[in-house]
Amino acid sequence: MSLYALEKGEKGCQRVTLNDWKCRNEQILNTSDKLMSVSALEREDGSILRSAARIQTKWDRYQNEKLLSDRVSLVQEWLRTLERSHAAAEHERMALSEVKKYLETYLNEALLPPLDVIAQCLYLRDQRRPDELTVDPVTARLKDELQTYETHKGILSALNADAWSMVDTLSTLIDTLRFNISEQTTALDIDTNTLALTTDSPGLARRPEPDRVPPKSSAPESWLFHCQELVERQGKECQQSRALRENMLRAVEDARNANWARQDETCASFRQRVHEIKIAIDRLKRQREMILAEMEKLDEEIHQLEQADESLELPRALCETRHEGRTSRPAGPQRCQDEPQESLAIESATLALSQAKLQQRTEYARSAYESLRTQLSKVELDMEDKNRALALEMRCLASRSQLGHAEEQVTQSHSSQL
C-alpha cells in the first residue's frame, strides 16, 4: 500500500483506500471459498476413507473368517483322517497281537511237545537189544520229522520276533497319532473359538505385537506334509503288518500240514515195522514149535537107538561066549577053524560093528539134539528180543497218539476267537 494513499484521521489512525478495502474483501471471500473447498474435499475424502475403511474391515473380516472356516474344515478333515488312521492302526495292532498270540500258543503247545515225543521215541528205540537195533525206515522218518519240526520252529520263532518288532512299531505309531490328534484337537478348538469371536464378544482388547511369529512355528506346507506323512506311514506300516500276519498264518498252516504229513509217514512206518516184527515173532513161534516137535522126535529116536544098542548086548555076549567056548576045545584037529567058528567070528564082528554104528548114531543124534536145544535157546532169546522191541514200538505209537490233539485244540481255540 502506498504511503501517499494513506490519510490520517482526527485520531491519527491509518486508513486504507477503497480499492484496498475491496481487494481485501475479495481476498477474504476467495480464501473462505478455497478453505471451504478444501474442507469439502477433506469431508469427501474422509467419507470415502470411512467407507473404504468400513468396507475393507468387513471384507478383511469376511476373508479372515472364510480362511478360518476353511482352516477349521481342513483341520477337521485331517483330524477325521488321523482318527481313522489311529483306529486302523489300533485294529491292526490288536489283530497282529492275536495272530502273534496264536503263533506263540502253536509254538508252545503244538510244536514243542512233539519234539519231546520224537526225542522219547528215539530214546525208547535205542533201548532195543543189539540184534534189534536196525537202521530201518522208522529211524529215518523220525529224524526227518525232527528236522521238519526244527525247521518250522526256527521259521515261526523268526516270525514271532518280527511280530514283536512290528507290534512295537505300531505302538509307537499309535502314540504318535494319538499325540498328533490331541494337538490337532487343541488347535481346532482354538481356531473354532477364534472363528466364533465377534465385536460383541467379551474379553476383546488391544494386544501388544499381535502379528508376531511365536517360536517353533511352521509353514502350512510343513503341517500338511506332516499329516500326509503320518497317514502314509500308517498305511505303509499297516500294510506291512497285514503282510506279516498273512505270512505268520501261512507259516503256521504250512507247519501244520508238513507236520501232519510227517506224522502220518512216521506212524505208517511204525505200523509197518510193528507188522514186520509181529510176522517175525509168529514165524519164530512156529519155528519153536517145530524145533520142539523135532526135539521130541529126536529124543524118542535116541531112546530107541539106546534100546537097540542095549538089545544087542545079550546076542553079542551069547556070540562071544560061544566063540570063546569053542576055543577051549582040545588042541589039535578038534580045534579046527571050521565054518561055525568062522560064522561066530563074523557074527561077533557084525554085532560089534552094529553096536558101534548105533552108538555113533546115538552120539550124532545127541549132538543134533544139543544143536536143536541151542537153536531153541537162540529162537527163544530172539523172540524175547523181538517182543521187547515190539513193546517199545507200541509204547512209541502210544506216545505219538496224542500228537494231533494239541494242534487241533490250538486251531479250534483260534477259530473260536476269530
Protein backbone atom coordinates (compact mmCIF):
# COMPACT_ATOMS: atom_id res chain seq x y z
CA MET A 1 0.00 0.00 0.00
CA SER A 2 1.45 3.39 -0.96
CA LEU A 3 2.27 5.89 1.82
CA TYR A 4 0.79 8.59 -0.26
CA ALA A 5 -2.55 6.80 -0.42
CA LEU A 6 -2.91 6.84 3.36
CA GLU A 7 -4.71 9.61 5.03
CA LYS A 8 -4.70 10.28 8.72
CA GLY A 9 -7.93 10.84 10.60
CA GLU A 10 -8.62 13.06 13.55
CA LYS A 11 -7.18 10.47 15.91
CA GLY A 12 -4.21 9.76 13.75
CA CYS A 13 -5.38 6.17 12.54
CA GLN A 14 -4.08 4.91 9.31
CA ARG A 15 -6.77 4.47 6.72
CA VAL A 16 -6.97 2.31 3.58
CA THR A 17 -8.20 3.16 0.26
CA LEU A 18 -11.45 1.84 -1.18
CA ASN A 19 -9.61 -0.25 -3.69
CA ASP A 20 -7.58 -1.83 -0.96
CA TRP A 21 -10.74 -2.41 1.04
CA LYS A 22 -12.39 -4.11 -1.92
CA CYS A 23 -9.31 -6.15 -2.62
CA ARG A 24 -9.21 -7.22 0.98
CA ASN A 25 -12.85 -8.29 0.91
CA GLU A 26 -12.32 -10.23 -2.26
CA GLN A 27 -9.26 -11.85 -0.75
CA ILE A 28 -11.23 -12.90 2.35
CA LEU A 29 -14.04 -14.30 0.22
CA ASN A 30 -11.62 -16.15 -2.02
CA THR A 31 -9.76 -17.53 0.96
CA SER A 32 -13.01 -18.65 2.55
CA ASP A 33 -14.12 -20.29 -0.67
CA LYS A 34 -10.79 -22.01 -1.00
CA LEU A 35 -10.89 -23.19 2.62
CA MET A 36 -14.46 -24.39 2.24
CA SER A 37 -13.48 -26.18 -0.97
CA VAL A 38 -10.58 -27.79 0.85
CA SER A 39 -12.91 -28.67 3.73
CA ALA A 40 -15.43 -30.17 1.31
CA LEU A 41 -12.69 -32.17 -0.30
CA GLU A 42 -11.49 -33.29 3.13
CA ARG A 43 -15.01 -34.26 4.08
CA GLU A 44 -15.43 -36.10 0.84
CA ASP A 45 -12.07 -37.82 1.29
CA GLY A 46 -12.99 -38.61 4.89
CA SER A 47 -16.29 -40.08 3.80
CA ILE A 48 -14.58 -42.09 1.12
CA LEU A 49 -11.93 -43.19 3.59
CA ARG A 50 -14.55 -44.13 6.19
CA SER A 51 -16.49 -46.09 3.62
CA ALA A 52 -13.33 -47.70 2.32
CA ALA A 53 -12.18 -48.50 5.86
CA ARG A 54 -15.61 -49.91 6.75
CA ILE A 55 -15.76 -51.95 3.53
CA GLN A 56 -12.14 -53.06 3.87
CA THR A 57 -12.75 -54.03 7.50
CA LYS A 58 -15.84 -56.04 6.57
CA TRP A 59 -14.02 -57.62 3.64
CA ASP A 60 -10.96 -58.43 5.71
CA ARG A 61 -13.18 -59.86 8.46
CA TYR A 62 -15.14 -61.90 5.92
CA GLN A 63 -11.97 -63.06 4.23
CA ASN A 64 -10.34 -63.96 7.55
CA GLU A 65 -13.48 -65.72 8.73
CA LYS A 66 -13.58 -67.56 5.42
CA LEU A 67 -9.92 -68.52 5.80
CA LEU A 68 -10.52 -69.54 9.41
CA SER A 69 -13.58 -71.54 8.35
CA ASP A 70 -11.60 -73.21 5.59
CA ARG A 71 -8.80 -73.85 8.05
CA VAL A 72 -11.26 -75.35 10.56
CA SER A 73 -12.76 -77.53 7.83
CA LEU A 74 -9.31 -78.63 6.69
CA VAL A 75 -8.20 -79.39 10.25
CA GLN A 76 -11.47 -81.25 10.89
CA GLU A 77 -10.97 -83.29 7.70
CA TRP A 78 -7.40 -84.18 8.58
CA LEU A 79 -8.46 -84.82 12.17
CA ARG A 80 -11.04 -87.34 10.94
CA THR A 81 -8.40 -88.85 8.65
CA LEU A 82 -5.96 -89.13 11.53
CA GLU A 83 -8.64 -90.65 13.77
CA ARG A 84 -9.40 -93.21 11.05
CA SER A 85 -5.69 -93.90 10.74
CA HIS A 86 -5.44 -94.23 14.52
CA ALA A 87 -8.40 -96.62 14.62
CA ALA A 88 -6.98 -98.64 11.70
CA ALA A 89 -3.56 -98.82 13.36
CA GLU A 90 -5.14 -99.83 16.69
CA HIS A 91 -7.23 -102.51 14.97
CA GLU A 92 -4.18 -103.77 13.09
CA ARG A 93 -2.14 -103.91 16.28
CA MET A 94 -4.89 -105.92 18.01
CA ALA A 95 -5.16 -108.27 15.00
CA LEU A 96 -1.38 -108.71 14.89
CA SER A 97 -1.29 -109.32 18.65
CA GLU A 98 -3.97 -112.01 18.29
CA VAL A 99 -2.06 -113.72 15.47
CA LYS A 100 1.18 -113.41 17.47
CA LYS A 101 -0.54 -114.97 20.48
CA TYR A 102 -1.87 -117.76 18.26
CA LEU A 103 1.62 -118.36 16.84
CA GLU A 104 3.17 -118.42 20.33
CA THR A 105 0.46 -120.83 21.51
CA TYR A 106 1.12 -123.04 18.50
CA LEU A 107 4.84 -122.95 19.20
CA ASN A 108 4.49 -123.78 22.90
CA GLU A 109 1.56 -126.20 22.81
CA ALA A 110 1.57 -127.75 19.34
CA LEU A 111 5.20 -127.64 18.19
CA LEU A 112 7.40 -128.10 21.25
CA PRO A 113 5.61 -131.18 22.75
CA PRO A 114 6.08 -133.25 19.54
CA LEU A 115 9.81 -132.57 19.80
CA ASP A 116 9.77 -134.18 23.24
CA VAL A 117 7.72 -137.09 21.88
CA ILE A 118 10.15 -137.61 18.99
CA ALA A 119 13.11 -137.49 21.37
CA GLN A 120 11.34 -140.01 23.62
CA CYS A 121 10.68 -142.30 20.64
CA LEU A 122 14.33 -142.17 19.62
CA TYR A 123 15.36 -142.88 23.21
CA LEU A 124 12.94 -145.82 23.52
CA ARG A 125 14.08 -147.34 20.24
CA ASP A 126 17.66 -147.12 21.44
CA GLN A 127 16.66 -149.45 24.30
CA ARG A 128 16.24 -152.37 21.90
CA ARG A 129 18.63 -155.30 22.14
CA PRO A 130 21.70 -155.12 19.88
CA ASP A 131 20.30 -157.61 17.37
CA GLU A 132 17.16 -155.46 17.01
CA LEU A 133 18.95 -152.12 16.62
CA THR A 134 18.24 -151.94 12.92
CA VAL A 135 18.69 -148.92 10.68
CA ASP A 136 15.11 -149.04 9.47
CA PRO A 137 12.77 -146.52 7.77
CA VAL A 138 11.27 -145.64 11.16
CA THR A 139 14.55 -144.11 12.32
CA ALA A 140 14.88 -142.18 9.07
CA ARG A 141 11.28 -140.95 9.35
CA LEU A 142 11.80 -139.88 12.96
CA LYS A 143 14.92 -137.93 12.03
CA ASP A 144 13.15 -136.33 9.06
CA GLU A 145 10.22 -135.46 11.30
CA LEU A 146 12.57 -133.97 13.88
CA GLN A 147 14.29 -131.92 11.17
CA THR A 148 10.90 -130.73 9.90
CA TYR A 149 9.81 -129.63 13.36
CA GLU A 150 13.12 -127.89 13.99
CA THR A 151 12.92 -126.08 10.64
CA HIS A 152 9.38 -124.83 11.24
CA LYS A 153 10.27 -123.94 14.81
CA GLY A 154 13.05 -121.69 13.52
CA ILE A 155 10.76 -120.10 10.91
CA LEU A 156 7.96 -119.46 13.39
CA SER A 157 10.38 -118.13 16.03
CA ALA A 158 11.79 -115.66 13.49
CA LEU A 159 8.26 -114.57 12.51
CA ASN A 160 7.38 -114.18 16.18
CA ALA A 161 10.37 -111.89 16.66
CA ASP A 162 9.28 -109.87 13.60
CA ALA A 163 5.78 -109.66 15.09
CA TRP A 164 7.21 -108.32 18.37
CA SER A 165 9.09 -105.65 16.41
CA MET A 166 6.02 -104.77 14.32
CA VAL A 167 3.80 -104.51 17.41
CA ASP A 168 6.34 -102.14 18.95
CA THR A 169 6.43 -100.11 15.71
CA LEU A 170 2.62 -99.92 15.59
CA SER A 171 2.52 -98.90 19.26
CA THR A 172 4.94 -96.08 18.54
CA LEU A 173 2.84 -95.03 15.54
CA ILE A 174 -0.36 -95.14 17.61
CA ASP A 175 1.23 -92.97 20.32
CA THR A 176 2.40 -90.52 17.66
CA LEU A 177 -1.07 -90.42 16.08
CA ARG A 178 -2.73 -90.01 19.48
CA PHE A 179 -0.39 -87.13 20.36
CA ASN A 180 -0.94 -85.52 16.96
CA ILE A 181 -4.72 -85.94 17.26
CA SER A 182 -4.58 -84.30 20.69
CA GLU A 183 -2.61 -81.37 19.28
CA GLN A 184 -4.92 -81.13 16.28
CA THR A 185 -7.94 -81.11 18.61
CA THR A 186 -6.39 -78.33 20.68
CA ALA A 187 -5.59 -76.32 17.56
CA LEU A 188 -9.11 -76.95 16.23
CA ASP A 189 -10.65 -75.73 19.49
CA ILE A 190 -8.53 -72.58 19.33
CA ASP A 191 -9.47 -71.91 15.67
CA THR A 192 -13.15 -72.66 16.39
CA ASN A 193 -13.18 -70.27 19.34
CA THR A 194 -11.31 -67.69 17.26
CA LEU A 195 -13.88 -68.04 14.47
CA ALA A 196 -16.74 -67.64 16.96
CA LEU A 197 -15.44 -64.29 18.27
CA THR A 198 -17.46 -61.17 17.32
CA THR A 199 -17.27 -57.49 18.21
CA ASP A 200 -19.76 -58.19 20.97
CA SER A 201 -17.68 -60.95 22.49
CA PRO A 202 -16.24 -60.31 25.96
CA GLY A 203 -12.56 -60.16 26.56
CA LEU A 204 -11.70 -58.11 23.48
CA ALA A 205 -8.67 -55.88 23.96
CA ARG A 206 -5.76 -54.49 22.08
CA ARG A 207 -2.82 -56.83 22.12
CA PRO A 208 0.84 -55.90 22.00
CA GLU A 209 2.50 -57.25 18.86
CA PRO A 210 -0.38 -59.45 17.73
CA ASP A 211 1.38 -60.03 14.41
CA ARG A 212 4.47 -61.50 15.98
CA VAL A 213 5.57 -65.03 14.91
CA PRO A 214 5.89 -67.23 18.02
CA PRO A 215 8.85 -69.60 18.28
CA LYS A 216 8.61 -73.15 16.92
CA SER A 217 6.12 -72.06 14.28
CA SER A 218 5.94 -73.82 10.95
CA ALA A 219 4.64 -73.23 7.48
CA PRO A 220 1.24 -74.62 6.41
CA GLU A 221 3.03 -76.83 3.92
CA SER A 222 5.05 -78.34 6.76
CA TRP A 223 1.86 -79.09 8.73
CA LEU A 224 0.20 -80.62 5.69
CA PHE A 225 3.31 -82.65 4.88
CA HIS A 226 3.43 -83.88 8.49
CA CYS A 227 -0.20 -85.03 8.34
CA GLN A 228 0.28 -86.71 4.97
CA GLU A 229 3.45 -88.36 6.22
CA LEU A 230 1.63 -89.77 9.25
CA VAL A 231 -1.20 -91.14 7.11
CA GLU A 232 1.22 -92.63 4.58
CA ARG A 233 3.30 -94.09 7.41
CA GLN A 234 0.18 -95.64 8.92
CA GLY A 235 -0.86 -97.13 5.59
CA LYS A 236 2.61 -98.47 4.90
CA GLU A 237 3.11 -99.98 8.36
CA CYS A 238 -0.41 -101.45 8.44
CA GLN A 239 0.23 -102.98 5.02
CA GLN A 240 3.49 -104.46 6.30
CA SER A 241 1.66 -105.74 9.39
CA ARG A 242 -1.07 -107.36 7.26
CA ALA A 243 1.58 -108.99 5.08
CA LEU A 244 3.34 -110.22 8.23
CA ARG A 245 0.06 -111.59 9.62
CA GLU A 246 -0.60 -113.41 6.36
CA ASN A 247 2.94 -114.82 6.41
CA MET A 248 2.51 -115.94 10.02
CA LEU A 249 -0.81 -117.66 9.34
CA ARG A 250 0.58 -119.21 6.17
CA ALA A 251 3.68 -120.39 8.04
CA VAL A 252 1.54 -121.95 10.78
CA GLU A 253 -0.64 -123.64 8.17
CA ASP A 254 2.42 -124.89 6.26
CA ALA A 255 3.95 -126.14 9.50
CA ARG A 256 0.71 -127.90 10.46
CA ASN A 257 0.35 -129.57 7.05
CA ALA A 258 4.02 -130.57 6.89
CA ASN A 259 3.95 -131.88 10.46
CA TRP A 260 0.78 -133.86 9.84
CA ALA A 261 2.29 -135.34 6.69
CA ARG A 262 5.48 -136.28 8.55
CA GLN A 263 3.45 -137.69 11.44
CA ASP A 264 1.38 -139.82 9.06
CA GLU A 265 4.52 -141.08 7.31
CA THR A 266 6.24 -141.85 10.61
CA CYS A 267 3.17 -143.57 12.06
CA ALA A 268 2.81 -145.60 8.85
CA SER A 269 6.47 -146.64 9.17
CA PHE A 270 5.86 -147.56 12.81
CA ARG A 271 2.83 -149.66 11.88
CA GLN A 272 4.78 -151.31 9.07
CA ARG A 273 7.63 -152.06 11.45
CA VAL A 274 5.21 -153.44 14.08
CA HIS A 275 3.64 -155.64 11.40
CA GLU A 276 7.07 -156.91 10.35
CA ILE A 277 8.03 -157.66 13.97
CA LYS A 278 4.75 -159.48 14.57
CA ILE A 279 5.30 -161.56 11.44
CA ALA A 280 8.84 -162.36 12.60
CA ILE A 281 7.54 -163.32 16.07
CA ASP A 282 4.87 -165.59 14.53
CA ARG A 283 7.48 -167.27 12.37
CA LEU A 284 9.71 -167.75 15.40
CA LYS A 285 6.80 -169.23 17.32
CA ARG A 286 6.14 -171.71 14.53
CA GLN A 287 9.86 -172.41 14.33
CA ARG A 288 9.98 -173.00 18.08
CA GLU A 289 7.06 -175.39 17.89
CA MET A 290 8.71 -177.23 15.01
CA ILE A 291 12.01 -177.41 16.90
CA LEU A 292 10.26 -178.70 19.99
CA ALA A 293 8.41 -181.31 17.93
CA GLU A 294 11.65 -182.30 16.20
CA MET A 295 13.48 -182.47 19.53
CA GLU A 296 10.73 -184.70 20.87
CA LYS A 297 11.04 -186.97 17.86
CA LEU A 298 14.83 -186.95 18.08
CA ASP A 299 14.69 -187.74 21.79
CA GLU A 300 12.46 -190.68 21.01
CA GLU A 301 14.88 -191.75 18.30
CA ILE A 302 17.83 -191.51 20.74
CA HIS A 303 15.88 -193.62 23.21
CA GLN A 304 15.17 -196.20 20.52
CA LEU A 305 18.83 -196.22 19.44
CA GLU A 306 19.92 -196.76 23.02
CA GLN A 307 17.38 -199.55 23.38
CA ALA A 308 18.59 -201.07 20.11
CA ASP A 309 22.18 -200.89 21.38
CA GLU A 310 21.18 -202.50 24.65
CA SER A 311 19.22 -205.17 22.81
CA LEU A 312 22.42 -206.21 21.03
CA GLU A 313 24.31 -206.76 24.29
CA LEU A 314 22.88 -210.20 25.03
CA PRO A 315 23.18 -211.51 21.46
CA ARG A 316 26.74 -210.22 21.38
CA ALA A 317 27.51 -211.77 24.77
CA LEU A 318 25.99 -215.04 23.57
CA CYS A 319 28.01 -214.95 20.38
CA GLU A 320 31.21 -214.06 22.19
CA THR A 321 30.55 -216.77 24.82
CA ARG A 322 30.03 -219.36 22.12
CA HIS A 323 33.06 -218.17 20.25
CA GLU A 324 35.14 -218.14 23.41
CA GLY A 325 33.78 -221.56 24.47
CA ARG A 326 34.82 -223.25 21.26
CA THR A 327 38.36 -222.02 21.75
CA SER A 328 38.61 -224.36 24.73
CA ARG A 329 38.26 -227.47 22.56
CA PRO A 330 41.18 -229.89 22.70
CA ALA A 331 44.14 -228.75 20.76
CA GLY A 332 44.87 -230.36 17.57
CA PRO A 333 42.45 -231.48 14.95
CA GLN A 334 39.49 -230.87 17.32
CA ARG A 335 40.30 -227.14 17.47
CA CYS A 336 39.86 -226.66 13.80
CA GLN A 337 38.64 -223.31 12.49
CA ASP A 338 35.52 -224.67 10.96
CA GLU A 339 32.62 -222.92 9.44
CA PRO A 340 30.68 -222.42 12.75
CA GLN A 341 33.82 -220.87 14.23
CA GLU A 342 34.15 -218.51 11.28
CA SER A 343 30.42 -217.72 11.37
CA LEU A 344 30.63 -216.93 15.09
CA ALA A 345 33.56 -214.63 14.37
CA ILE A 346 31.60 -212.93 11.61
CA GLU A 347 28.55 -212.64 13.87
CA SER A 348 30.64 -211.17 16.68
CA ALA A 349 32.24 -208.66 14.34
CA THR A 350 28.84 -207.80 12.88
CA LEU A 351 27.35 -207.27 16.29
CA ALA A 352 30.30 -205.13 17.35
CA LEU A 353 30.02 -203.09 14.15
CA SER A 354 26.26 -202.70 14.61
CA GLN A 355 26.72 -201.54 18.17
CA ALA A 356 29.45 -199.14 17.11
CA LYS A 357 27.20 -197.73 14.41
CA LEU A 358 24.29 -197.49 16.83
CA GLN A 359 26.46 -195.75 19.39
CA GLN A 360 27.87 -193.42 16.73
CA ARG A 361 24.36 -192.69 15.50
CA THR A 362 23.29 -192.12 19.07
CA GLU A 363 26.09 -189.59 19.50
CA TYR A 364 25.10 -187.93 16.25
CA ALA A 365 21.51 -187.79 17.43
CA ARG A 366 22.55 -186.39 20.79
CA SER A 367 24.71 -183.81 19.03
CA ALA A 368 21.77 -182.90 16.81
CA TYR A 369 19.57 -182.73 19.89
CA GLU A 370 22.01 -180.37 21.60
CA SER A 371 22.17 -178.28 18.44
CA LEU A 372 18.40 -178.12 18.37
CA ARG A 373 18.33 -177.16 22.04
CA THR A 374 20.93 -174.44 21.41
CA GLN A 375 18.94 -173.24 18.44
CA LEU A 376 15.79 -173.31 20.56
CA SER A 377 17.52 -171.09 23.11
CA LYS A 378 18.51 -168.70 20.31
CA VAL A 379 14.98 -168.71 18.93
CA GLU A 380 13.51 -168.05 22.36
CA LEU A 381 16.09 -165.32 23.01
CA ASP A 382 15.33 -163.78 19.63
CA MET A 383 11.62 -163.97 20.41
CA GLU A 384 12.27 -162.22 23.70
CA ASP A 385 14.27 -159.51 21.91
CA LYS A 386 11.56 -159.08 19.33
CA ASN A 387 8.83 -158.97 21.96
CA ARG A 388 10.82 -156.30 23.77
CA ALA A 389 11.26 -154.39 20.51
CA LEU A 390 7.53 -154.78 19.79
CA ALA A 391 6.65 -153.44 23.23
CA LEU A 392 8.94 -150.46 22.68
CA GLU A 393 7.41 -149.78 19.27
CA MET A 394 3.92 -149.97 20.78
CA ARG A 395 4.97 -147.53 23.51
CA CYS A 396 6.21 -145.18 20.80
CA LEU A 397 2.91 -145.45 18.96
CA ALA A 398 1.00 -144.85 22.19
CA SER A 399 3.06 -141.73 22.95
CA ARG A 400 2.51 -140.45 19.42
CA SER A 401 -1.26 -140.90 19.59
CA GLN A 402 -1.62 -137.52 21.33
CA LEU A 403 0.39 -135.55 18.77
CA GLY A 404 -2.52 -134.30 16.69
CA HIS A 405 -4.81 -133.40 19.59
CA ALA A 406 -2.77 -130.39 20.73
CA GLU A 407 -2.74 -128.88 17.24
CA GLU A 408 -6.48 -129.44 16.87
CA GLN A 409 -7.15 -127.75 20.21
CA VAL A 410 -4.98 -124.76 19.30
CA THR A 411 -6.67 -124.45 15.89
CA GLN A 412 -10.17 -124.73 17.35
CA SER A 413 -9.34 -122.14 20.02
CA HIS A 414 -8.05 -119.71 17.38
CA SER A 415 -11.09 -120.30 15.15
CA SER A 416 -13.48 -119.64 18.05
CA GLN A 417 -11.69 -116.40 18.88
CA LEU A 418 -11.94 -115.24 15.28
